[in-house]
């Protein structure tokens, strides 16, 4: 089992930045790929970014490409999502999820999920 806890959410003005963290415990985290997803009120949960177990492969949704950066520190069992140039449409609950080895943009591929952290971007 892998337990995930997100942190770093909050209220920020448009154009601002936030860094989300996803801290893992349980099995050796370095073997797991991690994805970030988000769910806005009244909308389906959507893919944001993913990083492979080796940190050699990352992927982003088109809506965040160039503004968000995913990274990981396996020594700290933590994955980060640096969010810059935030827009009101980025407002959502952000979730991190983990799966064995290979990264994926499909939420159905992930076995473990955190509880989420709220990000609110004011205009």
C-alpha atoms as a PDB file:
ATOM      1  CA  UNK A   1       0.000   0.000   0.000  1.00  0.00           C
ATOM      2  CA  UNK A   2       1.027   3.556  -0.700  1.00  0.00           C
ATOM      3  CA  UNK A   3      -0.461   6.446   1.235  1.00  0.00           C
ATOM      4  CA  UNK A   4      -0.472   9.884  -0.388  1.00  0.00           C
ATOM      5  CA  UNK A   5      -0.993  13.273   1.235  1.00  0.00           C
ATOM      6  CA  UNK A   6      -1.250  16.470  -0.787  1.00  0.00           C
ATOM      7  CA  UNK A   7      -0.413  19.909   0.560  1.00  0.00           C
ATOM      8  CA  UNK A   8       0.339  23.405  -0.663  1.00  0.00           C
ATOM      9  CA  UNK A   9      -3.045  24.460  -1.943  1.00  0.00           C
ATOM     10  CA  UNK A  10      -4.592  27.808  -1.153  1.00  0.00           C
ATOM     11  CA  UNK A  11      -5.947  31.056  -2.513  1.00  0.00           C
ATOM     12  CA  UNK A  12      -3.860  32.991  -5.018  1.00  0.00           C
ATOM     13  CA  UNK A  13      -4.475  35.829  -7.450  1.00  0.00           C
ATOM     14  CA  UNK A  14      -4.401  35.261 -11.177  1.00  0.00           C
ATOM     15  CA  UNK A  15      -0.836  35.310 -12.425  1.00  0.00           C
ATOM     16  CA  UNK A  16       0.504  33.992  -9.150  1.00  0.00           C
ATOM     17  CA  UNK A  17       2.210  30.721  -8.271  1.00  0.00           C
ATOM     18  CA  UNK A  18       1.743  27.789  -5.953  1.00  0.00           C
ATOM     19  CA  UNK A  19       3.724  24.629  -5.365  1.00  0.00           C
ATOM     20  CA  UNK A  20       1.796  21.510  -4.463  1.00  0.00           C
ATOM     21  CA  UNK A  21       3.448  18.592  -2.715  1.00  0.00           C
ATOM     22  CA  UNK A  22       2.459  14.952  -2.688  1.00  0.00           C
ATOM     23  CA  UNK A  23       4.108  13.086   0.166  1.00  0.00           C
ATOM     24  CA  UNK A  24       4.096   9.301   0.038  1.00  0.00           C
ATOM     25  CA  UNK A  25       4.512   6.644   2.680  1.00  0.00           C
ATOM     26  CA  UNK A  26       4.380   2.892   2.581  1.00  0.00           C
ATOM     27  CA  UNK A  27       6.179   0.972  -0.131  1.00  0.00           C
ATOM     28  CA  UNK A  28       9.394   2.314  -1.760  1.00  0.00           C
ATOM     29  CA  UNK A  29       8.166   5.353  -3.584  1.00  0.00           C
ATOM     30  CA  UNK A  30      10.876   5.386  -6.242  1.00  0.00           C
ATOM     31  CA  UNK A  31       9.168   2.493  -8.058  1.00  0.00           C
ATOM     32  CA  UNK A  32       5.940   4.386  -8.597  1.00  0.00           C
ATOM     33  CA  UNK A  33       4.840   6.802 -11.270  1.00  0.00           C
ATOM     34  CA  UNK A  34       2.773   9.725 -10.039  1.00  0.00           C
ATOM     35  CA  UNK A  35       0.066  11.746 -11.659  1.00  0.00           C
ATOM     36  CA  UNK A  36      -1.663  14.964 -10.733  1.00  0.00           C
ATOM     37  CA  UNK A  37      -5.334  15.356 -11.534  1.00  0.00           C
ATOM     38  CA  UNK A  38      -7.852  18.062 -10.750  1.00  0.00           C
ATOM     39  CA  UNK A  39     -11.578  18.414 -10.407  1.00  0.00           C
ATOM     40  CA  UNK A  40     -13.394  21.705 -10.676  1.00  0.00           C
ATOM     41  CA  UNK A  41     -16.930  22.150  -9.301  1.00  0.00           C
ATOM     42  CA  UNK A  42     -19.461  20.503 -11.560  1.00  0.00           C
ATOM     43  CA  UNK A  43     -16.814  19.009 -13.837  1.00  0.00           C
ATOM     44  CA  UNK A  44     -15.188  15.644 -14.344  1.00  0.00           C
ATOM     45  CA  UNK A  45     -11.788  14.992 -12.881  1.00  0.00           C
ATOM     46  CA  UNK A  46      -9.086  15.673 -15.469  1.00  0.00           C
ATOM     47  CA  UNK A  47      -5.454  14.874 -16.000  1.00  0.00           C
ATOM     48  CA  UNK A  48      -2.885  17.580 -15.240  1.00  0.00           C
ATOM     49  CA  UNK A  49       0.622  16.052 -15.248  1.00  0.00           C
ATOM     50  CA  UNK A  50       2.495  12.824 -14.736  1.00  0.00           C
ATOM     51  CA  UNK A  51       6.036  11.709 -14.008  1.00  0.00           C
ATOM     52  CA  UNK A  52       7.545   8.266 -14.389  1.00  0.00           C
ATOM     53  CA  UNK A  53       9.283   6.333 -11.629  1.00  0.00           C
ATOM     54  CA  UNK A  54      12.716   7.186 -13.019  1.00  0.00           C
ATOM     55  CA  UNK A  55      11.987  10.900 -13.545  1.00  0.00           C
ATOM     56  CA  UNK A  56      12.956  10.459 -17.174  1.00  0.00           C
ATOM     57  CA  UNK A  57       9.499  10.982 -18.572  1.00  0.00           C
ATOM     58  CA  UNK A  58       6.933  13.659 -17.859  1.00  0.00           C
ATOM     59  CA  UNK A  59       3.654  14.559 -19.498  1.00  0.00           C
ATOM     60  CA  UNK A  60       1.256  17.480 -19.267  1.00  0.00           C
ATOM     61  CA  UNK A  61      -2.235  18.410 -20.273  1.00  0.00           C
ATOM     62  CA  UNK A  62      -2.269  21.006 -23.021  1.00  0.00           C
ATOM     63  CA  UNK A  63      -4.054  23.431 -20.718  1.00  0.00           C
ATOM     64  CA  UNK A  64      -1.095  23.575 -18.305  1.00  0.00           C
ATOM     65  CA  UNK A  65       1.865  22.968 -20.608  1.00  0.00           C
ATOM     66  CA  UNK A  66       4.460  25.684 -20.203  1.00  0.00           C
ATOM     67  CA  UNK A  67       2.967  26.864 -16.896  1.00  0.00           C
ATOM     68  CA  UNK A  68       3.134  23.790 -14.643  1.00  0.00           C
ATOM     69  CA  UNK A  69       6.160  21.625 -13.874  1.00  0.00           C
ATOM     70  CA  UNK A  70       6.094  18.219 -12.215  1.00  0.00           C
ATOM     71  CA  UNK A  71       9.158  16.908 -10.412  1.00  0.00           C
ATOM     72  CA  UNK A  72      10.038  14.375  -7.785  1.00  0.00           C
ATOM     73  CA  UNK A  73      12.491  13.858  -4.948  1.00  0.00           C
ATOM     74  CA  UNK A  74      12.616  10.140  -4.261  1.00  0.00           C
ATOM     75  CA  UNK A  75      14.841  10.655  -1.220  1.00  0.00           C
ATOM     76  CA  UNK A  76      11.966  12.588   0.325  1.00  0.00           C
ATOM     77  CA  UNK A  77       9.252  10.394  -1.204  1.00  0.00           C
ATOM     78  CA  UNK A  78       7.646  13.547  -2.542  1.00  0.00           C
ATOM     79  CA  UNK A  79       6.378  14.724  -5.906  1.00  0.00           C
ATOM     80  CA  UNK A  80       5.869  18.410  -6.597  1.00  0.00           C
ATOM     81  CA  UNK A  81       3.683  20.372  -8.947  1.00  0.00           C
ATOM     82  CA  UNK A  82       4.977  23.878  -9.509  1.00  0.00           C
ATOM     83  CA  UNK A  83       2.152  26.005 -10.878  1.00  0.00           C
ATOM     84  CA  UNK A  84       2.986  29.385 -12.393  1.00  0.00           C
ATOM     85  CA  UNK A  85       0.903  31.970 -14.232  1.00  0.00           C
ATOM     86  CA  UNK A  86      -2.208  30.637 -12.577  1.00  0.00           C
ATOM     87  CA  UNK A  87      -5.584  31.386 -14.110  1.00  0.00           C
ATOM     88  CA  UNK A  88      -9.077  31.354 -12.592  1.00  0.00           C
ATOM     89  CA  UNK A  89      -9.828  28.256 -14.662  1.00  0.00           C
ATOM     90  CA  UNK A  90      -7.119  26.405 -12.717  1.00  0.00           C
ATOM     91  CA  UNK A  91      -9.388  26.536  -9.670  1.00  0.00           C
ATOM     92  CA  UNK A  92     -10.054  22.963  -8.580  1.00  0.00           C
ATOM     93  CA  UNK A  93      -9.294  20.295  -6.037  1.00  0.00           C
ATOM     94  CA  UNK A  94      -5.943  18.805  -6.996  1.00  0.00           C
ATOM     95  CA  UNK A  95      -5.236  15.130  -6.388  1.00  0.00           C
ATOM     96  CA  UNK A  96      -2.064  13.127  -6.673  1.00  0.00           C
ATOM     97  CA  UNK A  97      -2.159   9.456  -7.566  1.00  0.00           C
ATOM     98  CA  UNK A  98       0.407   6.672  -7.840  1.00  0.00           C
ATOM     99  CA  UNK A  99       0.814   3.544  -9.947  1.00  0.00           C
ATOM    100  CA  UNK A 100       3.573   1.007 -10.458  1.00  0.00           C
ATOM    101  CA  UNK A 101       6.402   2.194 -12.734  1.00  0.00           C
ATOM    102  CA  UNK A 102       4.865   3.674 -15.881  1.00  0.00           C
ATOM    103  CA  UNK A 103       3.263   7.068 -16.001  1.00  0.00           C
ATOM    104  CA  UNK A 104      -0.203   7.508 -17.476  1.00  0.00           C
ATOM    105  CA  UNK A 105      -2.673  10.281 -18.205  1.00  0.00           C
ATOM    106  CA  UNK A 106      -5.626   7.993 -17.439  1.00  0.00           C
ATOM    107  CA  UNK A 107      -6.989   8.158 -13.923  1.00  0.00           C
ATOM    108  CA  UNK A 108      -8.192   4.559 -14.245  1.00  0.00           C
ATOM    109  CA  UNK A 109      -4.557   3.445 -14.384  1.00  0.00           C
ATOM    110  CA  UNK A 110      -3.796   4.666 -10.868  1.00  0.00           C
ATOM    111  CA  UNK A 111      -4.174   2.513  -7.795  1.00  0.00           C
ATOM    112  CA  UNK A 112      -3.536   4.964  -4.979  1.00  0.00           C
ATOM    113  CA  UNK A 113      -5.011   8.414  -4.417  1.00  0.00           C
ATOM    114  CA  UNK A 114      -4.623  11.243  -1.980  1.00  0.00           C
ATOM    115  CA  UNK A 115      -7.482  13.207  -0.443  1.00  0.00           C
ATOM    116  CA  UNK A 116      -6.864  16.328  -2.500  1.00  0.00           C
ATOM    117  CA  UNK A 117      -5.927  19.940  -1.850  1.00  0.00           C
ATOM    118  CA  UNK A 118      -7.980  22.966  -2.873  1.00  0.00           C
ATOM    119  CA  UNK A 119      -6.516  25.544  -5.229  1.00  0.00           C
ATOM    120  CA  UNK A 120      -8.483  28.735  -5.775  1.00  0.00           C
ATOM    121  CA  UNK A 121      -7.357  31.380  -8.242  1.00  0.00           C
ATOM    122  CA  UNK A 122      -9.078  34.737  -8.004  1.00  0.00           C
ATOM    123  CA  UNK A 123      -9.402  37.080 -10.964  1.00  0.00           C
END
